[in-house]
N, C-alpha and C. Protein backbone atom coordinates (compact mmCIF):
# COMPACT_ATOMS: atom_id res chain seq x y z
N MET A 1 10.20 31.24 16.07
CA MET A 1 9.02 32.02 15.40
C MET A 1 8.71 33.02 16.64
N GLY A 2 9.03 33.19 17.93
CA GLY A 2 8.86 34.07 18.25
C GLY A 2 7.56 32.88 19.29
N LYS A 3 7.53 33.88 20.79
CA LYS A 3 6.53 33.41 22.04
C LYS A 3 5.60 32.56 21.60
N ARG A 4 5.38 31.24 22.03
CA ARG A 4 3.85 30.68 21.78
C ARG A 4 2.87 30.94 22.60
N ASN A 5 1.69 30.87 22.84
CA ASN A 5 0.97 30.70 23.90
C ASN A 5 0.69 29.47 23.87
N SER A 6 0.20 29.20 25.38
CA SER A 6 0.63 27.86 26.33
C SER A 6 -1.41 27.30 25.47
N ASP A 7 -1.69 28.48 25.42
CA ASP A 7 -2.95 27.78 24.92
C ASP A 7 -2.98 26.23 23.74
N PRO A 8 -4.19 24.93 24.11
CA PRO A 8 -3.47 24.22 23.28
C PRO A 8 -4.64 24.73 22.30
N GLU A 9 -5.50 25.21 22.15
CA GLU A 9 -5.78 24.88 20.60
C GLU A 9 -5.28 26.61 19.96
N LEU A 10 -5.08 27.15 20.95
CA LEU A 10 -3.74 28.71 19.45
C LEU A 10 -3.55 27.72 19.30
N ALA A 11 -2.44 26.77 19.71
CA ALA A 11 -0.73 26.21 19.92
C ALA A 11 -1.43 25.24 18.03
N ASP A 12 -2.84 24.57 18.24
CA ASP A 12 -2.75 23.72 17.03
C ASP A 12 -3.41 24.49 15.95
N ALA A 13 -4.22 25.82 16.23
CA ALA A 13 -4.60 26.26 15.31
C ALA A 13 -3.49 27.44 14.14
N ILE A 14 -2.29 27.47 15.39
CA ILE A 14 -1.06 27.66 14.55
C ILE A 14 0.28 26.62 13.67
N GLU A 15 -0.23 25.11 14.66
CA GLU A 15 0.55 24.28 13.93
C GLU A 15 -0.49 23.91 12.81
N ARG A 16 -1.76 24.32 12.48
CA ARG A 16 -2.00 23.78 10.94
C ARG A 16 -1.75 25.13 9.71
N ILE A 17 -1.84 26.77 10.25
CA ILE A 17 -1.60 27.91 9.50
C ILE A 17 -0.68 27.44 9.50
N GLU A 18 1.09 26.95 9.80
CA GLU A 18 2.38 26.56 9.19
C GLU A 18 2.20 24.75 9.01
N LEU A 19 0.77 24.27 8.22
CA LEU A 19 1.75 23.24 7.59
C LEU A 19 0.72 24.00 6.21
N ARG A 20 -0.24 24.26 6.76
CA ARG A 20 -0.52 25.13 5.57
C ARG A 20 0.19 25.94 4.04
N LEU A 21 0.82 26.40 4.68
CA LEU A 21 1.90 27.83 4.38
C LEU A 21 2.55 26.76 3.58
N GLN A 22 3.25 25.93 4.60
CA GLN A 22 4.02 24.27 4.26
C GLN A 22 3.90 24.00 2.72
N ALA A 23 2.60 23.47 2.35
CA ALA A 23 1.40 23.72 1.35
C ALA A 23 2.64 24.49 0.28
N LEU A 24 1.77 25.18 0.34
CA LEU A 24 1.35 27.05 -0.83
C LEU A 24 3.00 27.01 -0.72
N GLU A 25 4.19 26.92 -0.16
CA GLU A 25 5.53 27.22 -0.90
C GLU A 25 6.15 25.81 -1.08
N ALA A 26 5.60 24.16 -0.21
CA ALA A 26 5.60 23.32 -1.84
C ALA A 26 5.34 23.51 -2.88
N ALA A 27 4.65 24.10 -3.00
CA ALA A 27 3.52 23.89 -4.27
C ALA A 27 3.72 24.50 -5.18
N ALA A 28 4.89 25.50 -5.05
CA ALA A 28 5.19 26.93 -5.61
C ALA A 28 6.34 26.42 -5.39
N GLU A 29 7.40 25.17 -5.18
CA GLU A 29 9.02 25.98 -5.28
C GLU A 29 9.18 24.97 -7.48
N PRO A 30 9.24 25.03 -7.61
CA PRO A 30 9.41 24.50 -9.23
C PRO A 30 10.11 22.68 -9.12
N GLY A 31 9.45 22.44 -9.18
CA GLY A 31 10.01 20.95 -9.14
C GLY A 31 9.87 19.69 -7.71
N GLY A 32 9.27 20.76 -7.45
CA GLY A 32 9.01 20.23 -6.03
C GLY A 32 7.41 19.06 -5.79
N PRO A 33 8.10 18.05 -4.89
CA PRO A 33 6.50 17.41 -4.84
C PRO A 33 5.23 18.34 -4.58
N PRO A 34 4.42 18.50 -4.35
CA PRO A 34 3.04 19.22 -4.29
C PRO A 34 2.75 18.80 -2.59
N GLY A 35 1.99 19.61 -1.78
CA GLY A 35 1.70 19.21 -1.19
C GLY A 35 2.47 19.74 0.47
N PRO A 36 2.63 19.44 1.41
CA PRO A 36 3.19 19.71 2.86
C PRO A 36 4.40 18.98 3.16
N ARG A 37 5.54 19.24 3.83
CA ARG A 37 6.19 18.61 3.68
C ARG A 37 6.52 17.93 4.69
N LEU A 38 6.58 17.28 4.83
CA LEU A 38 6.56 16.19 6.40
C LEU A 38 7.76 15.85 6.99
N SER A 39 7.96 16.06 7.89
CA SER A 39 8.96 16.22 9.77
C SER A 39 9.21 14.92 8.99
N SER A 40 11.02 15.04 9.63
CA SER A 40 12.07 13.59 9.94
C SER A 40 11.03 13.15 10.66
N ASP A 41 10.88 13.14 11.76
CA ASP A 41 10.67 12.42 12.68
C ASP A 41 9.51 11.52 12.18
N PRO A 42 9.56 10.10 12.45
CA PRO A 42 8.39 9.12 11.88
C PRO A 42 7.36 8.88 13.18
N TRP A 43 7.89 9.86 13.89
CA TRP A 43 6.13 9.84 14.60
C TRP A 43 5.55 11.20 15.28
N TRP A 44 5.79 11.71 13.82
CA TRP A 44 4.99 13.46 14.27
C TRP A 44 3.38 13.22 14.47
N LEU A 45 2.27 12.70 13.32
CA LEU A 45 1.62 12.22 13.69
C LEU A 45 1.37 11.88 15.06
N LEU A 46 1.35 10.24 15.50
CA LEU A 46 1.03 10.57 17.06
C LEU A 46 1.83 11.82 17.85
N ASP A 47 2.78 12.42 17.37
CA ASP A 47 2.96 13.91 18.32
C ASP A 47 2.06 14.49 18.20
N ARG A 48 1.68 14.72 17.37
CA ARG A 48 0.51 15.75 16.63
C ARG A 48 -0.75 15.49 16.86
N LEU A 49 -1.00 14.07 17.35
CA LEU A 49 -2.00 13.55 18.21
C LEU A 49 -2.57 13.69 19.83
N ALA A 50 -1.98 13.45 20.04
CA ALA A 50 -0.92 12.93 21.80
C ALA A 50 -1.87 14.98 22.40
N ARG A 51 -1.61 15.77 21.00
CA ARG A 51 -2.13 17.67 21.88
C ARG A 51 -3.44 16.89 21.93
N ASN A 52 -4.49 16.48 21.54
CA ASN A 52 -5.94 16.63 20.91
C ASN A 52 -6.84 16.58 21.81
N THR A 53 -6.23 17.33 22.60
CA THR A 53 -7.67 16.87 24.01
C THR A 53 -8.81 17.63 24.12
N GLY A 54 -9.69 17.62 24.95
CA GLY A 54 -10.95 18.43 25.58
C GLY A 54 -11.66 18.05 24.90
N ALA A 55 -12.86 18.79 24.84
CA ALA A 55 -14.64 18.26 25.25
C ALA A 55 -14.22 17.73 23.25
N ALA A 56 -13.82 18.52 22.77
CA ALA A 56 -14.28 17.88 21.45
C ALA A 56 -13.51 16.59 20.14
N PHE A 57 -12.44 16.19 21.96
CA PHE A 57 -12.38 14.89 21.30
C PHE A 57 -12.36 13.66 23.02
N THR A 58 -13.41 14.54 23.20
CA THR A 58 -13.69 13.24 24.66
C THR A 58 -14.94 13.41 25.02
N ARG A 59 -15.56 12.22 24.89
CA ARG A 59 -16.24 11.87 25.77
C ARG A 59 -16.76 10.91 26.66
N GLY A 60 -17.01 11.02 27.77
CA GLY A 60 -16.63 9.91 28.94
C GLY A 60 -16.20 8.91 29.28
N GLU A 61 -15.62 7.95 29.15
CA GLU A 61 -14.60 7.32 28.66
C GLU A 61 -13.61 7.03 28.28
N VAL A 62 -15.03 7.73 26.49
CA VAL A 62 -13.81 7.28 25.14
C VAL A 62 -13.38 8.60 24.48
N GLY A 63 -11.94 8.75 24.34
CA GLY A 63 -11.63 10.81 24.11
C GLY A 63 -10.49 9.82 22.75
N GLY A 64 -10.23 10.73 22.46
CA GLY A 64 -8.75 10.38 20.78
C GLY A 64 -8.83 11.08 19.79
N SER A 65 -8.44 11.20 18.86
CA SER A 65 -8.64 11.32 17.79
C SER A 65 -7.33 10.20 16.80
N VAL A 66 -8.14 10.14 16.02
CA VAL A 66 -7.62 9.48 14.57
C VAL A 66 -7.64 10.48 13.67
N ALA A 67 -5.68 9.94 12.84
CA ALA A 67 -6.53 10.78 11.60
C ALA A 67 -6.04 10.18 9.82
N TYR A 68 -5.76 10.96 8.79
CA TYR A 68 -5.40 9.74 7.49
C TYR A 68 -5.36 10.94 6.57
N GLY A 69 -4.49 10.40 6.03
CA GLY A 69 -3.82 11.01 4.95
C GLY A 69 -3.26 10.37 3.96
N GLY A 70 -2.97 11.18 3.23
CA GLY A 70 -2.25 10.81 1.67
C GLY A 70 -1.61 11.73 0.67
N ARG A 71 -0.69 11.10 0.42
CA ARG A 71 -0.01 11.70 -1.39
C ARG A 71 -0.10 11.07 -2.68
N VAL A 72 -0.89 11.06 -3.44
CA VAL A 72 -0.57 9.82 -4.22
C VAL A 72 -0.49 10.59 -5.49
N ARG A 73 -0.35 9.83 -6.57
CA ARG A 73 0.05 10.95 -7.55
C ARG A 73 0.60 9.23 -8.80
N ALA A 74 -1.25 9.48 -9.69
CA ALA A 74 -1.48 7.90 -10.28
C ALA A 74 -1.82 8.32 -11.53
N PRO A 75 -2.12 7.71 -13.00
CA PRO A 75 -2.45 7.64 -14.16
C PRO A 75 -3.98 8.02 -13.78
N GLY A 76 -4.59 7.39 -13.21
CA GLY A 76 -6.44 8.12 -13.09
C GLY A 76 -6.99 9.18 -12.50
N ALA A 77 -6.02 9.16 -11.43
CA ALA A 77 -6.52 10.95 -10.26
C ALA A 77 -5.40 11.69 -9.88
N GLY A 78 -4.66 11.37 -11.22
CA GLY A 78 -3.42 12.93 -11.15
C GLY A 78 -2.96 13.04 -9.74
N GLU A 79 -2.43 14.49 -9.66
CA GLU A 79 -1.95 14.51 -8.47
C GLU A 79 -2.65 14.98 -7.16
N LEU A 80 -2.98 14.42 -6.14
CA LEU A 80 -3.67 14.41 -5.05
C LEU A 80 -2.92 14.69 -4.00
N VAL A 81 -3.21 15.38 -3.29
CA VAL A 81 -2.93 15.68 -1.49
C VAL A 81 -3.47 15.79 -0.19
N TRP A 82 -4.34 14.78 0.80
CA TRP A 82 -5.80 14.42 1.30
C TRP A 82 -5.13 14.49 2.53
N GLN A 83 -5.20 14.57 3.58
CA GLN A 83 -5.53 14.73 4.76
C GLN A 83 -7.02 14.44 5.25
N LEU A 84 -7.47 13.99 6.40
CA LEU A 84 -8.33 13.48 7.36
C LEU A 84 -8.82 13.36 8.42
N GLU A 85 -8.85 14.32 9.81
CA GLU A 85 -9.10 13.84 10.43
C GLU A 85 -10.34 13.06 11.47
N HIS A 86 -10.26 12.51 12.64
CA HIS A 86 -11.69 12.55 13.98
C HIS A 86 -12.00 12.72 15.31
N ALA A 87 -12.39 13.34 15.51
CA ALA A 87 -12.14 12.95 17.28
C ALA A 87 -12.87 11.56 17.41
N VAL A 88 -12.23 10.53 17.21
CA VAL A 88 -12.86 9.33 18.25
C VAL A 88 -14.12 9.13 18.82
N PRO A 89 -15.12 9.85 19.77
CA PRO A 89 -16.14 9.99 20.11
C PRO A 89 -17.43 9.73 18.77
N ASP A 90 -17.04 10.61 17.91
CA ASP A 90 -17.28 11.14 16.86
C ASP A 90 -18.07 10.22 15.73
N LEU A 91 -16.59 8.71 15.68
CA LEU A 91 -15.98 8.08 14.76
C LEU A 91 -17.51 6.38 15.88
N ILE A 92 -17.38 6.50 16.80
CA ILE A 92 -17.84 5.10 17.98
C ILE A 92 -19.70 5.85 17.67
N ASP A 93 -20.47 7.44 17.41
CA ASP A 93 -21.73 7.51 17.79
C ASP A 93 -22.00 7.68 16.03
N ALA A 94 -20.99 7.57 15.21
CA ALA A 94 -21.16 7.72 13.28
C ALA A 94 -22.15 6.82 12.84
N ASP A 95 -22.77 7.23 12.08
CA ASP A 95 -23.58 5.52 11.32
C ASP A 95 -23.06 4.74 10.73
N LEU A 96 -23.24 3.80 11.40
CA LEU A 96 -22.00 2.48 11.56
C LEU A 96 -22.93 2.03 9.99
N GLU A 97 -24.19 1.73 9.77
CA GLU A 97 -24.84 1.63 7.95
C GLU A 97 -24.29 2.17 7.31
N ALA A 98 -23.80 3.68 7.68
CA ALA A 98 -23.12 3.77 5.89
C ALA A 98 -21.54 3.29 6.06
N ALA A 99 -21.26 3.14 6.81
CA ALA A 99 -19.66 2.10 6.74
C ALA A 99 -19.39 1.19 6.07
N SER A 100 -20.56 0.21 6.82
CA SER A 100 -20.66 -0.63 6.63
C SER A 100 -21.54 -0.90 4.95
N ALA A 101 -21.55 0.13 3.53
CA ALA A 101 -22.01 0.45 2.49
C ALA A 101 -21.25 -0.19 2.14
N VAL A 102 -20.16 0.92 1.90
CA VAL A 102 -18.64 1.21 1.39
C VAL A 102 -17.71 0.01 1.61
N LEU A 103 -17.62 -0.86 3.22
CA LEU A 103 -17.33 -2.25 2.92
C LEU A 103 -17.52 -3.22 2.06
N GLY A 104 -18.92 -2.93 2.03
CA GLY A 104 -19.71 -4.04 1.77
C GLY A 104 -19.49 -3.84 -0.10
N ALA A 105 -18.81 -2.72 -0.53
CA ALA A 105 -18.60 -2.72 -1.85
C ALA A 105 -17.48 -2.48 -2.42
N LEU A 106 -16.82 -2.64 -1.58
CA LEU A 106 -14.84 -3.15 -0.98
C LEU A 106 -14.58 -4.35 -0.40
N GLY A 107 -15.86 -5.45 -0.47
CA GLY A 107 -15.58 -6.59 -0.47
C GLY A 107 -15.44 -7.32 -1.33
N HIS A 108 -15.45 -7.63 -2.10
CA HIS A 108 -15.70 -8.45 -3.54
C HIS A 108 -13.88 -7.77 -4.47
N PRO A 109 -13.32 -8.57 -4.29
CA PRO A 109 -12.39 -8.52 -4.70
C PRO A 109 -12.37 -8.25 -6.56
N LEU A 110 -13.58 -8.59 -7.20
CA LEU A 110 -13.04 -8.17 -9.08
C LEU A 110 -13.41 -6.13 -8.38
N ARG A 111 -14.74 -6.23 -7.81
CA ARG A 111 -14.33 -4.61 -7.29
C ARG A 111 -13.05 -3.58 -6.51
N LEU A 112 -12.43 -4.36 -5.83
CA LEU A 112 -11.30 -4.09 -5.50
C LEU A 112 -10.09 -3.94 -7.09
N GLU A 113 -10.40 -4.82 -7.61
CA GLU A 113 -9.87 -4.52 -9.26
C GLU A 113 -10.04 -3.26 -10.24
N ILE A 114 -11.50 -3.35 -10.09
CA ILE A 114 -11.95 -1.97 -10.98
C ILE A 114 -10.37 -0.73 -9.89
N LEU A 115 -12.08 -0.58 -8.45
CA LEU A 115 -10.70 0.64 -8.43
C LEU A 115 -9.24 1.01 -9.06
N ARG A 116 -8.39 -0.49 -8.40
CA ARG A 116 -6.48 -1.23 -9.18
C ARG A 116 -7.15 -0.17 -10.09
N ARG A 117 -7.54 -0.49 -11.29
CA ARG A 117 -8.02 -0.37 -12.89
C ARG A 117 -7.74 1.01 -13.39
N LEU A 118 -8.70 1.30 -12.77
CA LEU A 118 -9.36 2.91 -12.72
C LEU A 118 -8.25 3.96 -12.21
N LEU A 119 -7.14 3.15 -11.12
CA LEU A 119 -6.06 3.95 -10.24
C LEU A 119 -5.07 4.15 -11.36
N LEU A 120 -5.29 3.49 -12.11
CA LEU A 120 -4.03 3.09 -13.34
C LEU A 120 -4.10 3.88 -14.29
N GLY A 121 -5.54 4.25 -14.82
CA GLY A 121 -6.18 4.73 -15.62
C GLY A 121 -7.12 4.17 -17.01
N ALA A 122 -7.15 3.43 -16.52
CA ALA A 122 -8.50 2.77 -16.43
C ALA A 122 -9.02 3.18 -16.20
N SER A 123 -9.86 4.04 -17.90
CA SER A 123 -11.69 4.68 -17.48
C SER A 123 -12.55 4.18 -17.92
N THR A 124 -12.48 3.14 -19.26
CA THR A 124 -13.85 2.83 -20.22
C THR A 124 -14.31 1.18 -19.77
N LEU A 125 -15.31 2.23 -19.69
CA LEU A 125 -15.41 0.04 -20.08
C LEU A 125 -15.37 -1.55 -20.63
N GLY A 126 -15.62 -1.33 -21.92
CA GLY A 126 -14.28 -1.83 -22.49
C GLY A 126 -13.16 -2.41 -22.14
N GLU A 127 -12.24 -1.17 -21.17
CA GLU A 127 -10.88 -1.45 -20.12
C GLU A 127 -11.17 -2.19 -19.48
N LEU A 128 -12.36 -2.19 -18.60
CA LEU A 128 -12.74 -2.39 -17.42
C LEU A 128 -12.94 -4.17 -17.61
N GLN A 129 -12.85 -4.51 -18.10
CA GLN A 129 -13.79 -6.26 -19.33
C GLN A 129 -12.54 -6.88 -19.31
N GLU A 130 -12.08 -5.94 -19.88
CA GLU A 130 -10.41 -7.07 -19.95
C GLU A 130 -9.53 -7.03 -18.65
N ILE A 131 -10.02 -7.35 -17.23
CA ILE A 131 -9.72 -7.11 -16.38
C ILE A 131 -9.44 -9.05 -17.00
N PRO A 132 -8.92 -9.82 -15.96
CA PRO A 132 -9.23 -11.37 -16.17
C PRO A 132 -10.60 -11.93 -15.65
N SER A 133 -11.33 -13.29 -15.56
CA SER A 133 -12.55 -13.37 -15.62
C SER A 133 -13.08 -12.16 -14.63
N THR A 134 -13.41 -11.16 -15.42
CA THR A 134 -14.95 -10.40 -14.63
C THR A 134 -16.43 -10.55 -15.41
N GLY A 135 -15.82 -11.97 -16.45
CA GLY A 135 -17.52 -12.32 -16.32
C GLY A 135 -18.20 -11.38 -18.10
N THR A 136 -19.48 -11.22 -18.32
CA THR A 136 -20.02 -10.39 -18.73
C THR A 136 -19.95 -9.24 -19.05
N SER A 137 -20.79 -8.07 -20.34
CA SER A 137 -20.25 -6.69 -19.07
C SER A 137 -21.40 -6.12 -18.44
N GLY A 138 -22.91 -7.57 -18.49
CA GLY A 138 -24.05 -6.89 -17.21
C GLY A 138 -23.52 -7.72 -15.99
N GLN A 139 -22.42 -7.58 -16.02
CA GLN A 139 -21.65 -8.61 -14.27
C GLN A 139 -20.95 -7.30 -13.78
N VAL A 140 -20.03 -6.69 -14.91
CA VAL A 140 -19.26 -4.95 -14.61
C VAL A 140 -19.83 -4.48 -14.55
N HIS A 141 -20.74 -4.70 -14.91
CA HIS A 141 -21.65 -3.00 -15.27
C HIS A 141 -23.01 -3.39 -13.34
N HIS A 142 -23.36 -4.68 -13.20
CA HIS A 142 -23.55 -4.65 -11.73
C HIS A 142 -22.35 -4.66 -10.76
N HIS A 143 -21.33 -4.94 -10.70
CA HIS A 143 -19.75 -4.64 -9.67
C HIS A 143 -20.01 -2.72 -9.69
N LEU A 144 -19.93 -2.00 -11.04
CA LEU A 144 -20.29 -0.93 -11.42
C LEU A 144 -21.12 -0.12 -10.14
N ARG A 145 -22.41 -0.64 -10.71
CA ARG A 145 -23.83 0.54 -10.18
C ARG A 145 -23.35 0.46 -8.43
N GLU A 146 -23.06 -0.81 -8.02
CA GLU A 146 -22.17 -0.85 -6.69
C GLU A 146 -21.23 0.24 -5.54
N LEU A 147 -20.31 -0.25 -7.06
CA LEU A 147 -18.81 1.53 -5.82
C LEU A 147 -19.33 2.66 -6.74
N ARG A 148 -20.55 2.67 -6.92
CA ARG A 148 -20.91 4.24 -7.22
C ARG A 148 -21.98 3.85 -7.06
N ALA A 149 -22.97 3.76 -6.83
CA ALA A 149 -23.87 4.24 -5.19
C ALA A 149 -23.19 4.11 -3.86
N THR A 150 -22.01 3.71 -3.76
CA THR A 150 -21.51 4.33 -2.53
C THR A 150 -20.39 5.35 -2.62
N GLY A 151 -20.50 5.96 -3.50
CA GLY A 151 -19.69 7.63 -4.44
C GLY A 151 -17.72 7.11 -3.84
N LEU A 152 -17.63 5.45 -3.60
CA LEU A 152 -16.17 5.48 -4.23
C LEU A 152 -16.28 5.64 -5.77
N VAL A 153 -16.90 5.52 -7.30
CA VAL A 153 -16.80 4.78 -7.99
C VAL A 153 -17.40 6.17 -8.56
N ALA A 154 -17.54 7.31 -9.73
CA ALA A 154 -18.41 8.57 -10.83
C ALA A 154 -18.85 7.67 -12.09
N SER A 155 -19.17 8.40 -12.70
CA SER A 155 -20.06 8.00 -13.62
C SER A 155 -19.77 9.01 -15.03
N GLN A 156 -18.64 9.56 -15.32
CA GLN A 156 -18.00 10.19 -15.71
C GLN A 156 -18.91 11.15 -17.30
N ARG A 157 -18.76 10.21 -18.23
CA ARG A 157 -20.52 10.37 -19.23
C ARG A 157 -20.80 8.43 -19.57
N ARG A 158 -21.00 8.61 -21.15
CA ARG A 158 -21.47 7.17 -20.84
C ARG A 158 -20.61 6.19 -20.58
N ASN A 159 -20.71 5.53 -20.37
CA ASN A 159 -19.39 4.17 -20.31
C ASN A 159 -18.16 4.14 -20.03
N HIS A 160 -18.25 5.74 -19.57
CA HIS A 160 -16.12 6.03 -18.53
C HIS A 160 -17.18 6.98 -17.08
N TYR A 161 -16.24 5.76 -16.32
CA TYR A 161 -16.03 6.35 -15.26
C TYR A 161 -14.94 6.60 -14.15
N ALA A 162 -15.06 7.37 -13.42
CA ALA A 162 -13.57 7.72 -12.33
C ALA A 162 -13.33 7.57 -11.41
N ILE A 163 -12.89 7.42 -10.78
CA ILE A 163 -12.82 7.60 -8.50
C ILE A 163 -12.34 8.45 -7.91
N PRO A 164 -14.02 9.27 -7.59
CA PRO A 164 -13.13 10.88 -7.12
C PRO A 164 -12.31 10.91 -6.35
N ALA A 165 -11.91 12.38 -7.10
CA ALA A 165 -10.66 12.93 -5.66
C ALA A 165 -10.70 12.52 -4.96
N ASP A 166 -11.87 13.21 -3.94
CA ASP A 166 -12.30 12.43 -2.82
C ASP A 166 -12.28 11.24 -2.08
N ARG A 167 -12.07 10.06 -2.78
CA ARG A 167 -12.08 9.15 -2.87
C ARG A 167 -11.05 8.29 -3.16
N VAL A 168 -9.94 8.83 -3.39
CA VAL A 168 -8.71 7.82 -3.27
C VAL A 168 -7.71 7.40 -3.16
N VAL A 169 -7.81 8.92 -1.90
CA VAL A 169 -6.94 8.26 -0.83
C VAL A 169 -8.06 7.36 0.78
N PRO A 170 -8.73 7.46 0.81
CA PRO A 170 -9.53 7.15 1.62
C PRO A 170 -9.25 5.65 1.12
N VAL A 171 -9.65 5.01 -0.53
CA VAL A 171 -9.71 3.58 -0.88
C VAL A 171 -8.61 2.90 -0.20
N LEU A 172 -7.61 4.11 -0.04
CA LEU A 172 -6.33 4.05 -0.35
C LEU A 172 -5.99 3.18 0.57
N ILE A 173 -6.75 4.11 1.44
CA ILE A 173 -6.11 3.08 3.33
C ILE A 173 -6.62 2.34 3.16
N ILE A 174 -8.03 2.19 3.44
CA ILE A 174 -9.18 0.69 3.16
C ILE A 174 -8.55 -0.33 3.45
N VAL A 175 -8.15 -0.17 1.97
CA VAL A 175 -6.92 -1.89 1.13
C VAL A 175 -5.45 -1.73 2.32
N ALA A 176 -4.92 -0.21 2.85
CA ALA A 176 -3.22 -0.27 3.26
C ALA A 176 -3.96 -1.47 4.77
N ALA A 177 -5.14 -0.82 5.33
CA ALA A 177 -5.19 -0.89 6.97
C ALA A 177 -5.69 -2.07 6.78
N ALA A 178 -6.87 -2.85 5.96
CA ALA A 178 -7.14 -4.50 5.17
C ALA A 178 -5.50 -5.20 5.39
N LEU A 179 -3.98 -4.46 4.43
CA LEU A 179 -4.16 -4.97 4.34
C LEU A 179 -2.53 -4.91 5.97
N GLY A 180 -2.79 -4.11 6.45
CA GLY A 180 -1.98 -4.33 7.65
C GLY A 180 -0.12 -4.20 7.99
N ARG A 181 -0.09 -4.49 8.51
CA ARG A 181 1.15 -4.36 8.60
C ARG A 181 2.35 -5.36 7.45
N GLU A 182 1.43 -6.09 6.58
CA GLU A 182 1.35 -6.92 5.35
C GLU A 182 3.00 -6.14 5.25
N LEU A 183 2.83 -4.38 4.65
CA LEU A 183 3.62 -3.58 3.67
C LEU A 183 3.87 -2.38 3.86
N ALA A 184 3.77 -2.41 5.15
CA ALA A 184 4.21 -1.51 6.29
C ALA A 184 5.90 -0.70 6.85
N ASP A 185 6.85 0.27 5.83
CA ASP A 185 8.11 -0.32 6.21
C ASP A 185 8.25 -0.10 7.88
N PRO A 186 8.96 -0.88 8.03
CA PRO A 186 9.73 -1.56 9.38
C PRO A 186 9.55 0.29 10.74
N GLY A 187 10.73 0.71 9.52
CA GLY A 187 11.01 2.11 10.58
C GLY A 187 10.42 3.06 10.04
N ARG A 188 8.93 2.61 10.09
CA ARG A 188 8.27 3.52 10.30
C ARG A 188 6.73 3.26 10.57
N ALA A 189 6.25 1.60 11.10
CA ALA A 189 5.55 1.80 12.06
C ALA A 189 5.62 1.67 13.24
N GLN A 190 4.83 1.51 13.77
CA GLN A 190 5.22 1.59 15.67
C GLN A 190 4.00 0.86 15.77
N GLU A 191 4.05 -0.51 16.89
CA GLU A 191 3.68 -1.69 17.45
C GLU A 191 2.11 -0.77 17.88
N PRO A 192 0.47 -1.61 18.27
CA PRO A 192 0.39 -0.91 19.59
C PRO A 192 -0.21 -0.55 20.72
N THR A 193 -0.35 0.39 21.14
CA THR A 193 0.34 0.15 22.82
C THR A 193 -0.97 0.45 24.27
N SER A 194 -0.82 -0.21 24.77
CA SER A 194 -1.94 0.41 25.65
C SER A 194 -1.21 0.75 26.79
N ARG A 195 -2.00 1.31 28.07
CA ARG A 195 -1.70 1.68 29.04
C ARG A 195 -2.54 1.53 30.54
């Protein structure tokens, strides 16, 4: 591709442009999956995060970044490609009350089942009431109200619900994180290390 500048910010910008170009090219290929093509290197994400240094990623003794994303195809979500990265100092300084509200909304098995059903294509109150042990329609409304209050579920019209596109991958990531290594492919997981 030509000689790269040794400036880390420029190299990072070029890499982001290359990833976006790959995503556009993949989307344009007939029959190809949407979104970017991933590296065959199983540690590509950690290699990418290791380059995140400097003032944007360090504050005092705290530094680094956390990235997450996913590619999802499901009846209740369509096809989504989504990713986000946060500097660790920003996460440390973030409003934990907002995070607590979302985690609290996810802290009930029936709410997680509602999200699963919405992802799998259910959309009406009647379909959600078919979940075993949901109780009365008032109880289902209570759980939907909790999920809606945190933006995890949106009402499309009266008694029709969906998970907003920008919440699908984060919800799945929270569930995956809660399950830990239980679902991890041993070839794609790395043990935590410290220096």
